[in-house]
């Protein structure tokens, strides 16, 4: 069985990083549009610390469904962030 090349490894890493950044951006957009634009950036440190794409996707859905800032804060805290 052939090992993946270093180029394939870095390409995969770059795609993963791009997906993480894109999902974080979408979370900020939803929070800014639906809730309070100034408050959205208070979540930046917590969201930047998350490197699990599935977790960020769940938080994106939570941001869409949140009725207020506290709803999203609870979703973020419930997932250990």
PDB file of N, CA and C in Angstrom:
ATOM      1  N   UNK A   1       0.848  -1.168   0.000  1.00  0.00           N
ATOM      2  CA  UNK A   1       0.000   0.000   0.000  1.00  0.00           C
ATOM      3  C   UNK A   1       0.902   1.243   0.000  1.00  0.00           C
ATOM      4  N   UNK A   2       0.558   2.189  -0.841  1.00  0.00           N
ATOM      5  CA  UNK A   2       1.369   3.380  -1.001  1.00  0.00           C
ATOM      6  C   UNK A   2       0.985   4.441   0.019  1.00  0.00           C
ATOM      7  N   UNK A   3       1.986   5.057   0.626  1.00  0.00           N
ATOM      8  CA  UNK A   3       1.772   6.139   1.582  1.00  0.00           C
ATOM      9  C   UNK A   3       1.397   7.406   0.823  1.00  0.00           C
ATOM     10  N   UNK A   4       0.523   8.232   1.387  1.00  0.00           N
ATOM     11  CA  UNK A   4       0.204   9.499   0.730  1.00  0.00           C
ATOM     12  C   UNK A   4       1.451  10.386   0.682  1.00  0.00           C
ATOM     13  N   UNK A   5       1.566  11.142  -0.377  1.00  0.00           N
ATOM     14  CA  UNK A   5       2.718  12.036  -0.511  1.00  0.00           C
ATOM     15  C   UNK A   5       2.555  13.232   0.416  1.00  0.00           C
ATOM     16  N   UNK A   6       3.656  13.916   0.606  1.00  0.00           N
ATOM     17  CA  UNK A   6       3.632  15.109   1.453  1.00  0.00           C
ATOM     18  C   UNK A   6       2.716  16.173   0.850  1.00  0.00           C
ATOM     19  N   UNK A   7       2.655  16.229  -0.467  1.00  0.00           N
ATOM     20  CA  UNK A   7       1.778  17.191  -1.136  1.00  0.00           C
ATOM     21  C   UNK A   7       0.322  16.857  -0.858  1.00  0.00           C
ATOM     22  N   UNK A   8      -0.022  15.576  -0.916  1.00  0.00           N
ATOM     23  CA  UNK A   8      -1.402  15.170  -0.613  1.00  0.00           C
ATOM     24  C   UNK A   8      -1.747  15.492   0.834  1.00  0.00           C
ATOM     25  N   UNK A   9      -0.810  15.263   1.731  1.00  0.00           N
ATOM     26  CA  UNK A   9      -1.029  15.565   3.143  1.00  0.00           C
ATOM     27  C   UNK A   9      -1.300  17.051   3.345  1.00  0.00           C
ATOM     28  N   UNK A  10      -0.450  17.909   2.775  1.00  0.00           N
ATOM     29  CA  UNK A  10      -0.617  19.350   2.955  1.00  0.00           C
ATOM     30  C   UNK A  10      -1.851  19.875   2.250  1.00  0.00           C
ATOM     31  N   UNK A  11      -2.198  19.265   1.123  1.00  0.00           N
ATOM     32  CA  UNK A  11      -3.421  19.658   0.417  1.00  0.00           C
ATOM     33  C   UNK A  11      -4.640  19.355   1.286  1.00  0.00           C
ATOM     34  N   UNK A  12      -4.637  18.189   1.895  1.00  0.00           N
ATOM     35  CA  UNK A  12      -5.738  17.811   2.792  1.00  0.00           C
ATOM     36  C   UNK A  12      -5.805  18.753   3.994  1.00  0.00           C
ATOM     37  N   UNK A  13      -4.651  19.081   4.557  1.00  0.00           N
ATOM     38  CA  UNK A  13      -4.600  19.998   5.697  1.00  0.00           C
ATOM     39  C   UNK A  13      -5.133  21.380   5.309  1.00  0.00           C
ATOM     40  N   UNK A  14      -4.767  21.841   4.119  1.00  0.00           N
ATOM     41  CA  UNK A  14      -5.215  23.155   3.646  1.00  0.00           C
ATOM     42  C   UNK A  14      -6.722  23.163   3.445  1.00  0.00           C
ATOM     43  N   UNK A  15      -7.272  22.094   2.891  1.00  0.00           N
ATOM     44  CA  UNK A  15      -8.728  22.000   2.698  1.00  0.00           C
ATOM     45  C   UNK A  15      -9.449  22.005   4.039  1.00  0.00           C
ATOM     46  N   UNK A  16      -8.910  21.270   4.987  1.00  0.00           N
ATOM     47  CA  UNK A  16      -9.514  21.209   6.329  1.00  0.00           C
ATOM     48  C   UNK A  16      -9.506  22.590   6.980  1.00  0.00           C
ATOM     49  N   UNK A  17      -8.375  23.274   6.896  1.00  0.00           N
ATOM     50  CA  UNK A  17      -8.265  24.603   7.485  1.00  0.00           C
ATOM     51  C   UNK A  17      -9.226  25.578   6.811  1.00  0.00           C
ATOM     52  N   UNK A  18      -9.353  25.478   5.505  1.00  0.00           N
ATOM     53  CA  UNK A  18     -10.264  26.343   4.757  1.00  0.00           C
ATOM     54  C   UNK A  18     -11.715  26.102   5.179  1.00  0.00           C
ATOM     55  N   UNK A  19     -12.072  24.837   5.356  1.00  0.00           N
ATOM     56  CA  UNK A  19     -13.436  24.503   5.778  1.00  0.00           C
ATOM     57  C   UNK A  19     -13.712  25.039   7.182  1.00  0.00           C
ATOM     58  N   UNK A  20     -12.741  24.932   8.074  1.00  0.00           N
ATOM     59  CA  UNK A  20     -12.908  25.461   9.438  1.00  0.00           C
ATOM     60  C   UNK A  20     -13.120  26.970   9.402  1.00  0.00           C
ATOM     61  N   UNK A  21     -12.279  27.664   8.657  1.00  0.00           N
ATOM     62  CA  UNK A  21     -12.386  29.128   8.582  1.00  0.00           C
ATOM     63  C   UNK A  21     -13.704  29.561   7.944  1.00  0.00           C
ATOM     64  N   UNK A  22     -14.120  28.853   6.923  1.00  0.00           N
ATOM     65  CA  UNK A  22     -15.374  29.177   6.250  1.00  0.00           C
ATOM     66  C   UNK A  22     -16.569  28.983   7.186  1.00  0.00           C
ATOM     67  N   UNK A  23     -16.562  27.906   7.931  1.00  0.00           N
ATOM     68  CA  UNK A  23     -17.666  27.637   8.856  1.00  0.00           C
ATOM     69  C   UNK A  23     -17.691  28.672   9.975  1.00  0.00           C
ATOM     70  N   UNK A  24     -16.519  29.037  10.498  1.00  0.00           N
ATOM     71  CA  UNK A  24     -16.474  30.094  11.518  1.00  0.00           C
ATOM     72  C   UNK A  24     -17.047  31.398  10.953  1.00  0.00           C
ATOM     73  N   UNK A  25     -16.667  31.738   9.724  1.00  0.00           N
ATOM     74  CA  UNK A  25     -17.170  32.957   9.086  1.00  0.00           C
ATOM     75  C   UNK A  25     -18.685  32.922   8.975  1.00  0.00           C
ATOM     76  N   UNK A  26     -19.234  31.777   8.613  1.00  0.00           N
ATOM     77  CA  UNK A  26     -20.687  31.662   8.482  1.00  0.00           C
ATOM     78  C   UNK A  26     -21.378  31.806   9.836  1.00  0.00           C
ATOM     79  N   UNK A  27     -20.767  31.283  10.883  1.00  0.00           N
ATOM     80  CA  UNK A  27     -21.336  31.440  12.234  1.00  0.00           C
ATOM     81  C   UNK A  27     -21.383  32.923  12.602  1.00  0.00           C
ATOM     82  N   UNK A  28     -20.283  33.644  12.368  1.00  0.00           N
ATOM     83  CA  UNK A  28     -20.252  35.078  12.679  1.00  0.00           C
ATOM     84  C   UNK A  28     -21.298  35.842  11.885  1.00  0.00           C
ATOM     85  N   UNK A  29     -21.460  35.500  10.608  1.00  0.00           N
ATOM     86  CA  UNK A  29     -22.457  36.178   9.773  1.00  0.00           C
ATOM     87  C   UNK A  29     -23.860  35.974  10.311  1.00  0.00           C
ATOM     88  N   UNK A  30     -24.173  34.743  10.687  1.00  0.00           N
ATOM     89  CA  UNK A  30     -25.512  34.447  11.218  1.00  0.00           C
ATOM     90  C   UNK A  30     -25.735  35.204  12.522  1.00  0.00           C
ATOM     91  N   UNK A  31     -24.748  35.158  13.417  1.00  0.00           N
ATOM     92  CA  UNK A  31     -24.899  35.853  14.699  1.00  0.00           C
ATOM     93  C   UNK A  31     -25.064  37.349  14.492  1.00  0.00           C
ATOM     94  N   UNK A  32     -24.291  37.925  13.579  1.00  0.00           N
ATOM     95  CA  UNK A  32     -24.371  39.363  13.329  1.00  0.00           C
ATOM     96  C   UNK A  32     -25.702  39.748  12.704  1.00  0.00           C
ATOM     97  N   UNK A  33     -26.207  38.941  11.796  1.00  0.00           N
ATOM     98  CA  UNK A  33     -27.467  39.254  11.124  1.00  0.00           C
ATOM     99  C   UNK A  33     -28.689  39.008  12.005  1.00  0.00           C
ATOM    100  N   UNK A  34     -28.684  37.921  12.738  1.00  0.00           N
ATOM    101  CA  UNK A  34     -29.863  37.540  13.507  1.00  0.00           C
ATOM    102  C   UNK A  34     -29.884  38.119  14.908  1.00  0.00           C
ATOM    103  N   UNK A  35     -28.723  38.334  15.490  1.00  0.00           N
ATOM    104  CA  UNK A  35     -28.675  38.749  16.890  1.00  0.00           C
ATOM    105  C   UNK A  35     -28.074  40.147  17.004  1.00  0.00           C
ATOM    106  N   UNK A  36     -26.937  40.254  17.625  1.00  0.00           N
ATOM    107  CA  UNK A  36     -26.318  41.562  17.841  1.00  0.00           C
ATOM    108  C   UNK A  36     -24.931  41.565  17.199  1.00  0.00           C
ATOM    109  N   UNK A  37     -24.726  42.415  16.186  1.00  0.00           N
ATOM    110  CA  UNK A  37     -23.437  42.418  15.484  1.00  0.00           C
ATOM    111  C   UNK A  37     -22.232  42.601  16.405  1.00  0.00           C
ATOM    112  N   UNK A  38     -22.336  43.488  17.373  1.00  0.00           N
ATOM    113  CA  UNK A  38     -21.203  43.731  18.266  1.00  0.00           C
ATOM    114  C   UNK A  38     -20.912  42.533  19.158  1.00  0.00           C
ATOM    115  N   UNK A  39     -21.942  41.822  19.536  1.00  0.00           N
ATOM    116  CA  UNK A  39     -21.790  40.684  20.433  1.00  0.00           C
ATOM    117  C   UNK A  39     -21.210  39.472  19.714  1.00  0.00           C
ATOM    118  N   UNK A  40     -21.440  39.367  18.425  1.00  0.00           N
ATOM    119  CA  UNK A  40     -20.980  38.205  17.662  1.00  0.00           C
ATOM    120  C   UNK A  40     -19.479  37.982  17.843  1.00  0.00           C
ATOM    121  N   UNK A  41     -18.711  39.048  17.871  1.00  0.00           N
ATOM    122  CA  UNK A  41     -17.255  38.905  17.962  1.00  0.00           C
ATOM    123  C   UNK A  41     -16.767  38.521  19.349  1.00  0.00           C
ATOM    124  N   UNK A  42     -17.638  38.577  20.346  1.00  0.00           N
ATOM    125  CA  UNK A  42     -17.214  38.117  21.672  1.00  0.00           C
ATOM    126  C   UNK A  42     -17.014  36.599  21.679  1.00  0.00           C
ATOM    127  N   UNK A  43     -17.616  35.919  20.705  1.00  0.00           N
ATOM    128  CA  UNK A  43     -17.485  34.466  20.611  1.00  0.00           C
ATOM    129  C   UNK A  43     -16.251  34.033  19.816  1.00  0.00           C
ATOM    130  N   UNK A  44     -15.548  34.987  19.204  1.00  0.00           N
ATOM    131  CA  UNK A  44     -14.421  34.660  18.334  1.00  0.00           C
ATOM    132  C   UNK A  44     -13.356  33.794  19.009  1.00  0.00           C
ATOM    133  N   UNK A  45     -12.867  34.141  20.209  1.00  0.00           N
ATOM    134  CA  UNK A  45     -11.833  33.294  20.822  1.00  0.00           C
ATOM    135  C   UNK A  45     -12.288  31.845  21.022  1.00  0.00           C
ATOM    136  N   UNK A  46     -13.511  31.660  21.462  1.00  0.00           N
ATOM    137  CA  UNK A  46     -14.013  30.297  21.688  1.00  0.00           C
ATOM    138  C   UNK A  46     -14.140  29.538  20.367  1.00  0.00           C
ATOM    139  N   UNK A  47     -14.645  30.211  19.340  1.00  0.00           N
ATOM    140  CA  UNK A  47     -14.818  29.543  18.045  1.00  0.00           C
ATOM    141  C   UNK A  47     -13.475  29.273  17.382  1.00  0.00           C
ATOM    142  N   UNK A  48     -12.528  30.177  17.528  1.00  0.00           N
ATOM    143  CA  UNK A  48     -11.202  29.968  16.942  1.00  0.00           C
ATOM    144  C   UNK A  48     -10.475  28.788  17.578  1.00  0.00           C
ATOM    145  N   UNK A  49     -10.832  28.456  18.799  1.00  0.00           N
ATOM    146  CA  UNK A  49     -10.179  27.352  19.503  1.00  0.00           C
ATOM    147  C   UNK A  49     -10.721  25.980  19.080  1.00  0.00           C
ATOM    148  N   UNK A  50     -11.819  25.963  18.341  1.00  0.00           N
ATOM    149  CA  UNK A  50     -12.438  24.698  17.932  1.00  0.00           C
ATOM    150  C   UNK A  50     -11.859  24.263  16.597  1.00  0.00           C
ATOM    151  N   UNK A  51     -11.268  23.075  16.572  1.00  0.00           N
ATOM    152  CA  UNK A  51     -10.674  22.529  15.353  1.00  0.00           C
ATOM    153  C   UNK A  51     -11.434  21.324  14.822  1.00  0.00           C
ATOM    154  N   UNK A  52     -12.635  21.124  15.305  1.00  0.00           N
ATOM    155  CA  UNK A  52     -13.476  20.005  14.872  1.00  0.00           C
ATOM    156  C   UNK A  52     -14.575  20.565  13.965  1.00  0.00           C
ATOM    157  N   UNK A  53     -14.500  20.223  12.680  1.00  0.00           N
ATOM    158  CA  UNK A  53     -15.446  20.765  11.706  1.00  0.00           C
ATOM    159  C   UNK A  53     -16.883  20.391  12.044  1.00  0.00           C
ATOM    160  N   UNK A  54     -17.114  19.163  12.457  1.00  0.00           N
ATOM    161  CA  UNK A  54     -18.479  18.738  12.798  1.00  0.00           C
ATOM    162  C   UNK A  54     -19.034  19.569  13.955  1.00  0.00           C
ATOM    163  N   UNK A  55     -18.206  19.846  14.936  1.00  0.00           N
ATOM    164  CA  UNK A  55     -18.619  20.669  16.083  1.00  0.00           C
ATOM    165  C   UNK A  55     -18.993  22.075  15.607  1.00  0.00           C
ATOM    166  N   UNK A  56     -18.171  22.654  14.735  1.00  0.00           N
ATOM    167  CA  UNK A  56     -18.476  23.988  14.211  1.00  0.00           C
ATOM    168  C   UNK A  56     -19.766  23.981  13.391  1.00  0.00           C
ATOM    169  N   UNK A  57     -19.991  22.924  12.639  1.00  0.00           N
ATOM    170  CA  UNK A  57     -21.229  22.835  11.857  1.00  0.00           C
ATOM    171  C   UNK A  57     -22.449  22.767  12.775  1.00  0.00           C
ATOM    172  N   UNK A  58     -22.332  22.074  13.894  1.00  0.00           N
ATOM    173  CA  UNK A  58     -23.418  22.030  14.872  1.00  0.00           C
ATOM    174  C   UNK A  58     -23.662  23.419  15.450  1.00  0.00           C
ATOM    175  N   UNK A  59     -22.584  24.146  15.716  1.00  0.00           N
ATOM    176  CA  UNK A  59     -22.727  25.499  16.252  1.00  0.00           C
ATOM    177  C   UNK A  59     -23.308  26.451  15.214  1.00  0.00           C
ATOM    178  N   UNK A  60     -23.022  26.209  13.953  1.00  0.00           N
ATOM    179  CA  UNK A  60     -23.630  27.020  12.890  1.00  0.00           C
ATOM    180  C   UNK A  60     -25.140  26.837  12.917  1.00  0.00           C
ATOM    181  N   UNK A  61     -25.592  25.594  13.032  1.00  0.00           N
ATOM    182  CA  UNK A  61     -27.037  25.331  13.128  1.00  0.00           C
ATOM    183  C   UNK A  61     -27.610  25.970  14.395  1.00  0.00           C
ATOM    184  N   UNK A  62     -26.866  25.906  15.488  1.00  0.00           N
ATOM    185  CA  UNK A  62     -27.328  26.522  16.742  1.00  0.00           C
ATOM    186  C   UNK A  62     -27.456  28.029  16.576  1.00  0.00           C
ATOM    187  N   UNK A  63     -26.533  28.647  15.848  1.00  0.00           N
ATOM    188  CA  UNK A  63     -26.607  30.094  15.612  1.00  0.00           C
ATOM    189  C   UNK A  63     -27.845  30.442  14.797  1.00  0.00           C
ATOM    190  N   UNK A  64     -28.161  29.614  13.820  1.00  0.00           N
ATOM    191  CA  UNK A  64     -29.341  29.848  12.990  1.00  0.00           C
ATOM    192  C   UNK A  64     -30.615  29.762  13.833  1.00  0.00           C
ATOM    193  N   UNK A  65     -30.644  28.821  14.757  1.00  0.00           N
ATOM    194  CA  UNK A  65     -31.848  28.584  15.554  1.00  0.00           C
ATOM    195  C   UNK A  65     -31.946  29.452  16.812  1.00  0.00           C
ATOM    196  N   UNK A  66     -30.848  30.074  17.200  1.00  0.00           N
ATOM    197  CA  UNK A  66     -30.836  30.854  18.449  1.00  0.00           C
ATOM    198  C   UNK A  66     -31.800  32.036  18.369  1.00  0.00           C
ATOM    199  N   UNK A  67     -32.583  32.180  19.403  1.00  0.00           N
ATOM    200  CA  UNK A  67     -33.512  33.309  19.497  1.00  0.00           C
ATOM    201  C   UNK A  67     -32.821  34.554  20.047  1.00  0.00           C
ATOM    202  N   UNK A  68     -31.734  34.328  20.802  1.00  0.00           N
ATOM    203  CA  UNK A  68     -31.000  35.446  21.396  1.00  0.00           C
ATOM    204  C   UNK A  68     -29.561  35.007  21.664  1.00  0.00           C
ATOM    205  N   UNK A  69     -28.762  35.943  22.119  1.00  0.00           N
ATOM    206  CA  UNK A  69     -27.342  35.678  22.363  1.00  0.00           C
ATOM    207  C   UNK A  69     -27.161  34.575  23.401  1.00  0.00           C
ATOM    208  N   UNK A  70     -27.982  34.578  24.423  1.00  0.00           N
ATOM    209  CA  UNK A  70     -27.860  33.571  25.474  1.00  0.00           C
ATOM    210  C   UNK A  70     -28.126  32.160  24.943  1.00  0.00           C
ATOM    211  N   UNK A  71     -29.047  32.024  24.008  1.00  0.00           N
ATOM    212  CA  UNK A  71     -29.287  30.704  23.404  1.00  0.00           C
ATOM    213  C   UNK A  71     -28.013  30.172  22.763  1.00  0.00           C
ATOM    214  N   UNK A  72     -27.328  31.030  22.015  1.00  0.00           N
ATOM    215  CA  UNK A  72     -26.091  30.583  21.372  1.00  0.00           C
ATOM    216  C   UNK A  72     -25.001  30.334  22.403  1.00  0.00           C
ATOM    217  N   UNK A  73     -24.910  31.178  23.407  1.00  0.00           N
ATOM    218  CA  UNK A  73     -23.904  30.982  24.466  1.00  0.00           C
ATOM    219  C   UNK A  73     -24.104  29.630  25.146  1.00  0.00           C
ATOM    220  N   UNK A  74     -25.359  29.277  25.409  1.00  0.00           N
ATOM    221  CA  UNK A  74     -25.646  27.973  26.036  1.00  0.00           C
ATOM    222  C   UNK A  74     -25.235  26.834  25.118  1.00  0.00           C
ATOM    223  N   UNK A  75     -25.496  26.956  23.817  1.00  0.00           N
ATOM    224  CA  UNK A  75     -25.115  25.915  22.860  1.00  0.00           C
ATOM    225  C   UNK A  75     -23.586  25.773  22.830  1.00  0.00           C
ATOM    226  N   UNK A  76     -22.902  26.873  22.880  1.00  0.00           N
ATOM    227  CA  UNK A  76     -21.448  26.845  22.864  1.00  0.00           C
ATOM    228  C   UNK A  76     -20.907  26.189  24.130  1.00  0.00           C
ATOM    229  N   UNK A  77     -21.475  26.546  25.264  1.00  0.00           N
ATOM    230  CA  UNK A  77     -21.039  25.977  26.549  1.00  0.00           C
ATOM    231  C   UNK A  77     -21.426  24.511  26.693  1.00  0.00           C
ATOM    232  N   UNK A  78     -22.554  24.129  26.116  1.00  0.00           N
ATOM    233  CA  UNK A  78     -23.015  22.744  26.202  1.00  0.00           C
ATOM    234  C   UNK A  78     -22.053  21.786  25.484  1.00  0.00           C
ATOM    235  N   UNK A  79     -21.337  22.315  24.524  1.00  0.00           N
ATOM    236  CA  UNK A  79     -20.402  21.494  23.770  1.00  0.00           C
ATOM    237  C   UNK A  79     -18.982  21.610  24.297  1.00  0.00           C
ATOM    238  N   UNK A  80     -18.842  22.146  25.493  1.00  0.00           N
ATOM    239  CA  UNK A  80     -17.537  22.202  26.131  1.00  0.00           C
ATOM    240  C   UNK A  80     -16.611  23.260  25.598  1.00  0.00           C
ATOM    241  N   UNK A  81     -17.160  24.323  25.023  1.00  0.00           N
ATOM    242  CA  UNK A  81     -16.293  25.371  24.480  1.00  0.00           C
ATOM    243  C   UNK A  81     -16.233  26.562  25.388  1.00  0.00           C
TER     244      UNK A  81
END
